[in-house]
């Protein structure tokens, strides 16, 4: 199959993620919505839109360049179809944080065009995977942790420069970053 598609790359550090550990500690110790937080992971989500080729060829090409990730420090899971699982658990609630106007990766786009002669759009966001204690309203707790309002509320997104989106489980939307409109960080929402 050689149709143009959107491919997601989930990139996670191989070593302990000190930023995620720090966010977990702050949430548990200082934020009411974080007291039921059982775990917190941070990944980078990269979406590449407009490439042609089958999923295996696209993944192989993506793994060739450090424009996408550093294989010595990070692991990368490629997802090319909505029915394919992402490297997150079904009981994790996902918070995707996007830099408002800064999600494009022009260097990666140029590299892809140089290698393939194809014009693609590459976007990136930070994906937080939150797992809560049983009996917790995970969607409400994740939304409360997502948008920073003050020292006692929110943690993961700066409402002055970032937007966030929520999803649940191992099959987040594909595409997700390029979906419009992006929800502003101050607005509560429901999971897709």
C-alpha atoms as a PDB file:
ATOM      1  CA  UNK A   1       0.000   0.000   0.000  1.00  0.00           C
ATOM      2  CA  UNK A   2       1.400   3.412  -0.867  1.00  0.00           C
ATOM      3  CA  UNK A   3      -1.222   5.831   0.404  1.00  0.00           C
ATOM      4  CA  UNK A   4      -0.323   9.008   2.228  1.00  0.00           C
ATOM      5  CA  UNK A   5      -0.898   8.674   5.934  1.00  0.00           C
ATOM      6  CA  UNK A   6      -0.306  10.061   9.396  1.00  0.00           C
ATOM      7  CA  UNK A   7       2.185   8.144  11.503  1.00  0.00           C
ATOM      8  CA  UNK A   8       2.731   8.636  15.226  1.00  0.00           C
ATOM      9  CA  UNK A   9       6.064   8.067  16.956  1.00  0.00           C
ATOM     10  CA  UNK A  10       6.024   7.685  20.745  1.00  0.00           C
ATOM     11  CA  UNK A  11       9.469   8.486  22.132  1.00  0.00           C
ATOM     12  CA  UNK A  12      10.427   7.709  25.737  1.00  0.00           C
ATOM     13  CA  UNK A  13      13.730   7.943  27.590  1.00  0.00           C
ATOM     14  CA  UNK A  14      15.471   4.621  28.237  1.00  0.00           C
ATOM     15  CA  UNK A  15      16.838   5.910  31.561  1.00  0.00           C
ATOM     16  CA  UNK A  16      14.844   7.263  34.489  1.00  0.00           C
ATOM     17  CA  UNK A  17      13.020  10.460  33.546  1.00  0.00           C
ATOM     18  CA  UNK A  18      13.883  12.918  36.330  1.00  0.00           C
ATOM     19  CA  UNK A  19      11.414  15.522  35.015  1.00  0.00           C
ATOM     20  CA  UNK A  20       8.539  13.033  35.187  1.00  0.00           C
ATOM     21  CA  UNK A  21       9.651  11.880  38.632  1.00  0.00           C
ATOM     22  CA  UNK A  22       9.788  15.484  39.849  1.00  0.00           C
ATOM     23  CA  UNK A  23       6.313  16.204  38.436  1.00  0.00           C
ATOM     24  CA  UNK A  24       4.994  13.045  40.105  1.00  0.00           C
ATOM     25  CA  UNK A  25       6.427  14.073  43.497  1.00  0.00           C
ATOM     26  CA  UNK A  26       5.057  17.617  43.240  1.00  0.00           C
ATOM     27  CA  UNK A  27       1.615  16.351  42.222  1.00  0.00           C
ATOM     28  CA  UNK A  28       1.442  13.792  45.042  1.00  0.00           C
ATOM     29  CA  UNK A  29       2.751  16.103  47.765  1.00  0.00           C
ATOM     30  CA  UNK A  30       1.316  19.500  46.856  1.00  0.00           C
ATOM     31  CA  UNK A  31      -1.778  19.159  44.649  1.00  0.00           C
ATOM     32  CA  UNK A  32      -5.149  17.814  45.763  1.00  0.00           C
ATOM     33  CA  UNK A  33      -5.804  16.299  42.313  1.00  0.00           C
ATOM     34  CA  UNK A  34      -2.447  14.513  42.468  1.00  0.00           C
ATOM     35  CA  UNK A  35      -2.921  12.688  45.757  1.00  0.00           C
ATOM     36  CA  UNK A  36      -4.539   9.729  43.963  1.00  0.00           C
ATOM     37  CA  UNK A  37      -1.824   9.637  41.279  1.00  0.00           C
ATOM     38  CA  UNK A  38      -0.262   6.162  41.152  1.00  0.00           C
ATOM     39  CA  UNK A  39       2.238   6.796  38.334  1.00  0.00           C
ATOM     40  CA  UNK A  40       3.258   9.460  35.847  1.00  0.00           C
ATOM     41  CA  UNK A  41       5.288   9.009  32.648  1.00  0.00           C
ATOM     42  CA  UNK A  42       6.432  11.510  30.034  1.00  0.00           C
ATOM     43  CA  UNK A  43       6.821  10.770  26.324  1.00  0.00           C
ATOM     44  CA  UNK A  44       7.262  12.847  23.220  1.00  0.00           C
ATOM     45  CA  UNK A  45       4.560  12.332  20.605  1.00  0.00           C
ATOM     46  CA  UNK A  46       5.603  13.044  17.035  1.00  0.00           C
ATOM     47  CA  UNK A  47       3.125  13.005  14.158  1.00  0.00           C
ATOM     48  CA  UNK A  48       4.338  12.840  10.600  1.00  0.00           C
ATOM     49  CA  UNK A  49       1.600  13.658   8.068  1.00  0.00           C
ATOM     50  CA  UNK A  50       1.738  13.241   4.302  1.00  0.00           C
ATOM     51  CA  UNK A  51       4.306  10.489   3.863  1.00  0.00           C
ATOM     52  CA  UNK A  52       3.690   7.669   1.430  1.00  0.00           C
ATOM     53  CA  UNK A  53       4.588   4.014   1.768  1.00  0.00           C
ATOM     54  CA  UNK A  54       3.598   1.142   3.963  1.00  0.00           C
ATOM     55  CA  UNK A  55       3.910   1.281   7.732  1.00  0.00           C
ATOM     56  CA  UNK A  56       7.072  -0.829   7.868  1.00  0.00           C
ATOM     57  CA  UNK A  57       8.903   1.359   5.319  1.00  0.00           C
ATOM     58  CA  UNK A  58       7.773   4.553   7.062  1.00  0.00           C
ATOM     59  CA  UNK A  59       8.966   3.286  10.432  1.00  0.00           C
ATOM     60  CA  UNK A  60      12.330   2.203   9.003  1.00  0.00           C
ATOM     61  CA  UNK A  61      12.853   5.631   7.436  1.00  0.00           C
ATOM     62  CA  UNK A  62      11.857   7.411  10.629  1.00  0.00           C
ATOM     63  CA  UNK A  63      14.421   5.373  12.600  1.00  0.00           C
ATOM     64  CA  UNK A  64      17.233   6.605  10.299  1.00  0.00           C
ATOM     65  CA  UNK A  65      17.381  10.177  11.548  1.00  0.00           C
ATOM     66  CA  UNK A  66      18.129  11.743  14.916  1.00  0.00           C
ATOM     67  CA  UNK A  67      15.722  14.515  13.856  1.00  0.00           C
ATOM     68  CA  UNK A  68      13.066  12.294  15.412  1.00  0.00           C
ATOM     69  CA  UNK A  69      14.802  10.612  18.342  1.00  0.00           C
ATOM     70  CA  UNK A  70      18.185   9.453  19.672  1.00  0.00           C
ATOM     71  CA  UNK A  71      18.241   5.626  19.721  1.00  0.00           C
ATOM     72  CA  UNK A  72      21.145   5.632  22.200  1.00  0.00           C
ATOM     73  CA  UNK A  73      19.031   7.443  24.812  1.00  0.00           C
ATOM     74  CA  UNK A  74      15.438   6.869  23.781  1.00  0.00           C
ATOM     75  CA  UNK A  75      13.150   4.136  22.523  1.00  0.00           C
ATOM     76  CA  UNK A  76      10.613   4.776  19.792  1.00  0.00           C
ATOM     77  CA  UNK A  77       7.324   3.023  19.075  1.00  0.00           C
ATOM     78  CA  UNK A  78       5.709   3.748  15.692  1.00  0.00           C
ATOM     79  CA  UNK A  79       1.931   3.614  15.268  1.00  0.00           C
ATOM     80  CA  UNK A  80       0.486   3.904  11.766  1.00  0.00           C
ATOM     81  CA  UNK A  81      -3.126   2.751  12.126  1.00  0.00           C
ATOM     82  CA  UNK A  82      -5.851   3.783  14.610  1.00  0.00           C
ATOM     83  CA  UNK A  83      -6.457   0.152  15.651  1.00  0.00           C
ATOM     84  CA  UNK A  84      -2.784  -0.352  16.567  1.00  0.00           C
ATOM     85  CA  UNK A  85      -2.003   0.126  20.261  1.00  0.00           C
ATOM     86  CA  UNK A  86       0.149   2.951  21.535  1.00  0.00           C
ATOM     87  CA  UNK A  87       2.797   2.205  24.190  1.00  0.00           C
ATOM     88  CA  UNK A  88       0.451   3.239  26.987  1.00  0.00           C
ATOM     89  CA  UNK A  89      -1.774   1.132  29.213  1.00  0.00           C
ATOM     90  CA  UNK A  90      -5.544   1.024  28.927  1.00  0.00           C
ATOM     91  CA  UNK A  91      -5.868   2.407  32.473  1.00  0.00           C
ATOM     92  CA  UNK A  92      -3.629   5.421  31.825  1.00  0.00           C
ATOM     93  CA  UNK A  93      -5.201   8.806  31.165  1.00  0.00           C
ATOM     94  CA  UNK A  94      -3.264  10.820  28.595  1.00  0.00           C
ATOM     95  CA  UNK A  95      -2.595  14.542  28.604  1.00  0.00           C
ATOM     96  CA  UNK A  96      -1.084  15.850  25.361  1.00  0.00           C
ATOM     97  CA  UNK A  97       0.540  19.267  25.826  1.00  0.00           C
ATOM     98  CA  UNK A  98       1.233  21.396  22.740  1.00  0.00           C
ATOM     99  CA  UNK A  99       3.232  24.593  22.459  1.00  0.00           C
ATOM    100  CA  UNK A 100       0.805  27.078  20.963  1.00  0.00           C
ATOM    101  CA  UNK A 101       2.198  27.762  17.475  1.00  0.00           C
ATOM    102  CA  UNK A 102       5.404  25.844  18.182  1.00  0.00           C
ATOM    103  CA  UNK A 103       4.512  22.211  17.521  1.00  0.00           C
ATOM    104  CA  UNK A 104       6.048  22.118  14.007  1.00  0.00           C
ATOM    105  CA  UNK A 105       9.477  20.451  13.508  1.00  0.00           C
ATOM    106  CA  UNK A 106      10.933  22.154  10.402  1.00  0.00           C
ATOM    107  CA  UNK A 107      14.306  20.391  10.692  1.00  0.00           C
ATOM    108  CA  UNK A 108      12.653  16.979  10.538  1.00  0.00           C
ATOM    109  CA  UNK A 109      10.485  18.127   7.633  1.00  0.00           C
ATOM    110  CA  UNK A 110      13.583  19.254   5.680  1.00  0.00           C
ATOM    111  CA  UNK A 111      15.402  15.981   6.405  1.00  0.00           C
ATOM    112  CA  UNK A 112      12.427  13.919   5.194  1.00  0.00           C
ATOM    113  CA  UNK A 113      12.153  15.981   1.998  1.00  0.00           C
ATOM    114  CA  UNK A 114      15.886  15.627   1.333  1.00  0.00           C
ATOM    115  CA  UNK A 115      15.736  11.841   1.785  1.00  0.00           C
ATOM    116  CA  UNK A 116      12.447  11.128  -0.008  1.00  0.00           C
ATOM    117  CA  UNK A 117      11.520  14.207  -2.094  1.00  0.00           C
ATOM    118  CA  UNK A 118       8.187  14.206  -0.199  1.00  0.00           C
ATOM    119  CA  UNK A 119       6.739  17.195   1.581  1.00  0.00           C
ATOM    120  CA  UNK A 120       5.537  16.185   5.017  1.00  0.00           C
ATOM    121  CA  UNK A 121       4.350  18.011   8.106  1.00  0.00           C
ATOM    122  CA  UNK A 122       5.988  16.978  11.379  1.00  0.00           C
ATOM    123  CA  UNK A 123       4.457  18.055  14.666  1.00  0.00           C
ATOM    124  CA  UNK A 124       5.511  17.277  18.229  1.00  0.00           C
ATOM    125  CA  UNK A 125       3.954  17.484  21.672  1.00  0.00           C
ATOM    126  CA  UNK A 126       4.634  16.247  25.186  1.00  0.00           C
ATOM    127  CA  UNK A 127       2.498  13.315  26.258  1.00  0.00           C
ATOM    128  CA  UNK A 128       1.920  12.663  29.947  1.00  0.00           C
ATOM    129  CA  UNK A 129       0.561   9.224  30.877  1.00  0.00           C
ATOM    130  CA  UNK A 130      -1.158   9.317  34.280  1.00  0.00           C
ATOM    131  CA  UNK A 131      -2.400   6.326  36.240  1.00  0.00           C
ATOM    132  CA  UNK A 132      -4.646   6.916  39.255  1.00  0.00           C
ATOM    133  CA  UNK A 133      -5.612   4.830  42.269  1.00  0.00           C
ATOM    134  CA  UNK A 134      -8.759   2.702  41.793  1.00  0.00           C
ATOM    135  CA  UNK A 135     -11.994   4.581  42.413  1.00  0.00           C
ATOM    136  CA  UNK A 136     -10.596   7.920  41.193  1.00  0.00           C
ATOM    137  CA  UNK A 137     -12.399   9.881  38.469  1.00  0.00           C
ATOM    138  CA  UNK A 138      -9.334   9.759  36.198  1.00  0.00           C
ATOM    139  CA  UNK A 139     -10.690  12.199  33.594  1.00  0.00           C
ATOM    140  CA  UNK A 140     -11.490  14.868  36.196  1.00  0.00           C
ATOM    141  CA  UNK A 141      -8.201  14.367  38.053  1.00  0.00           C
ATOM    142  CA  UNK A 142      -6.175  14.526  34.818  1.00  0.00           C
ATOM    143  CA  UNK A 143      -7.966  17.698  33.721  1.00  0.00           C
ATOM    144  CA  UNK A 144      -7.288  19.245  37.140  1.00  0.00           C
ATOM    145  CA  UNK A 145      -3.590  18.384  36.888  1.00  0.00           C
ATOM    146  CA  UNK A 146      -3.271  19.507  33.265  1.00  0.00           C
ATOM    147  CA  UNK A 147      -3.979  23.224  33.404  1.00  0.00           C
ATOM    148  CA  UNK A 148      -1.818  25.280  35.740  1.00  0.00           C
ATOM    149  CA  UNK A 149      -3.954  27.929  37.431  1.00  0.00           C
ATOM    150  CA  UNK A 150      -1.897  28.693  40.516  1.00  0.00           C
ATOM    151  CA  UNK A 151       0.514  26.981  42.942  1.00  0.00           C
ATOM    152  CA  UNK A 152      -2.209  24.656  44.202  1.00  0.00           C
ATOM    153  CA  UNK A 153      -3.944  23.781  40.920  1.00  0.00           C
ATOM    154  CA  UNK A 154      -2.532  22.249  37.749  1.00  0.00           C
ATOM    155  CA  UNK A 155       0.957  21.278  36.753  1.00  0.00           C
ATOM    156  CA  UNK A 156       1.477  20.015  33.202  1.00  0.00           C
ATOM    157  CA  UNK A 157       0.533  22.893  30.862  1.00  0.00           C
ATOM    158  CA  UNK A 158       1.193  26.634  31.022  1.00  0.00           C
ATOM    159  CA  UNK A 159      -2.102  28.270  29.974  1.00  0.00           C
ATOM    160  CA  UNK A 160      -0.284  31.321  28.594  1.00  0.00           C
ATOM    161  CA  UNK A 161       1.669  29.350  25.989  1.00  0.00           C
ATOM    162  CA  UNK A 162       0.268  25.830  25.762  1.00  0.00           C
ATOM    163  CA  UNK A 163      -2.893  23.895  24.969  1.00  0.00           C
ATOM    164  CA  UNK A 164      -3.756  20.402  26.124  1.00  0.00           C
ATOM    165  CA  UNK A 165      -5.926  17.505  25.029  1.00  0.00           C
ATOM    166  CA  UNK A 166      -7.094  14.459  26.975  1.00  0.00           C
ATOM    167  CA  UNK A 167      -7.512  10.832  25.896  1.00  0.00           C
ATOM    168  CA  UNK A 168      -7.907   7.518  27.620  1.00  0.00           C
ATOM    169  CA  UNK A 169      -6.060   4.254  27.196  1.00  0.00           C
ATOM    170  CA  UNK A 170      -3.939   2.521  24.640  1.00  0.00           C
ATOM    171  CA  UNK A 171      -5.661   3.848  21.499  1.00  0.00           C
ATOM    172  CA  UNK A 172      -5.436   7.653  21.457  1.00  0.00           C
ATOM    173  CA  UNK A 173      -6.693   9.482  18.351  1.00  0.00           C
ATOM    174  CA  UNK A 174      -4.717   9.146  15.102  1.00  0.00           C
ATOM    175  CA  UNK A 175      -4.108  11.845  14.054  1.00  0.00           C
ATOM    176  CA  UNK A 176      -4.171  13.661  17.361  1.00  0.00           C
ATOM    177  CA  UNK A 177      -1.853  16.679  17.212  1.00  0.00           C
ATOM    178  CA  UNK A 178      -3.263  17.982  13.940  1.00  0.00           C
ATOM    179  CA  UNK A 179      -6.880  17.742  15.097  1.00  0.00           C
ATOM    180  CA  UNK A 180      -8.544  21.123  15.185  1.00  0.00           C
ATOM    181  CA  UNK A 181      -9.508  23.024  17.176  1.00  0.00           C
ATOM    182  CA  UNK A 182      -7.089  22.576  20.049  1.00  0.00           C
ATOM    183  CA  UNK A 183      -8.695  23.042  23.437  1.00  0.00           C
ATOM    184  CA  UNK A 184      -7.351  25.901  25.513  1.00  0.00           C
ATOM    185  CA  UNK A 185      -5.795  24.825  28.793  1.00  0.00           C
ATOM    186  CA  UNK A 186      -8.300  26.606  30.992  1.00  0.00           C
ATOM    187  CA  UNK A 187     -11.350  24.727  29.727  1.00  0.00           C
ATOM    188  CA  UNK A 188     -12.429  21.426  31.200  1.00  0.00           C
ATOM    189  CA  UNK A 189     -13.281  18.708  28.726  1.00  0.00           C
ATOM    190  CA  UNK A 190     -14.161  15.102  28.306  1.00  0.00           C
ATOM    191  CA  UNK A 191     -12.071  12.288  26.989  1.00  0.00           C
ATOM    192  CA  UNK A 192     -12.500  11.234  23.338  1.00  0.00           C
END
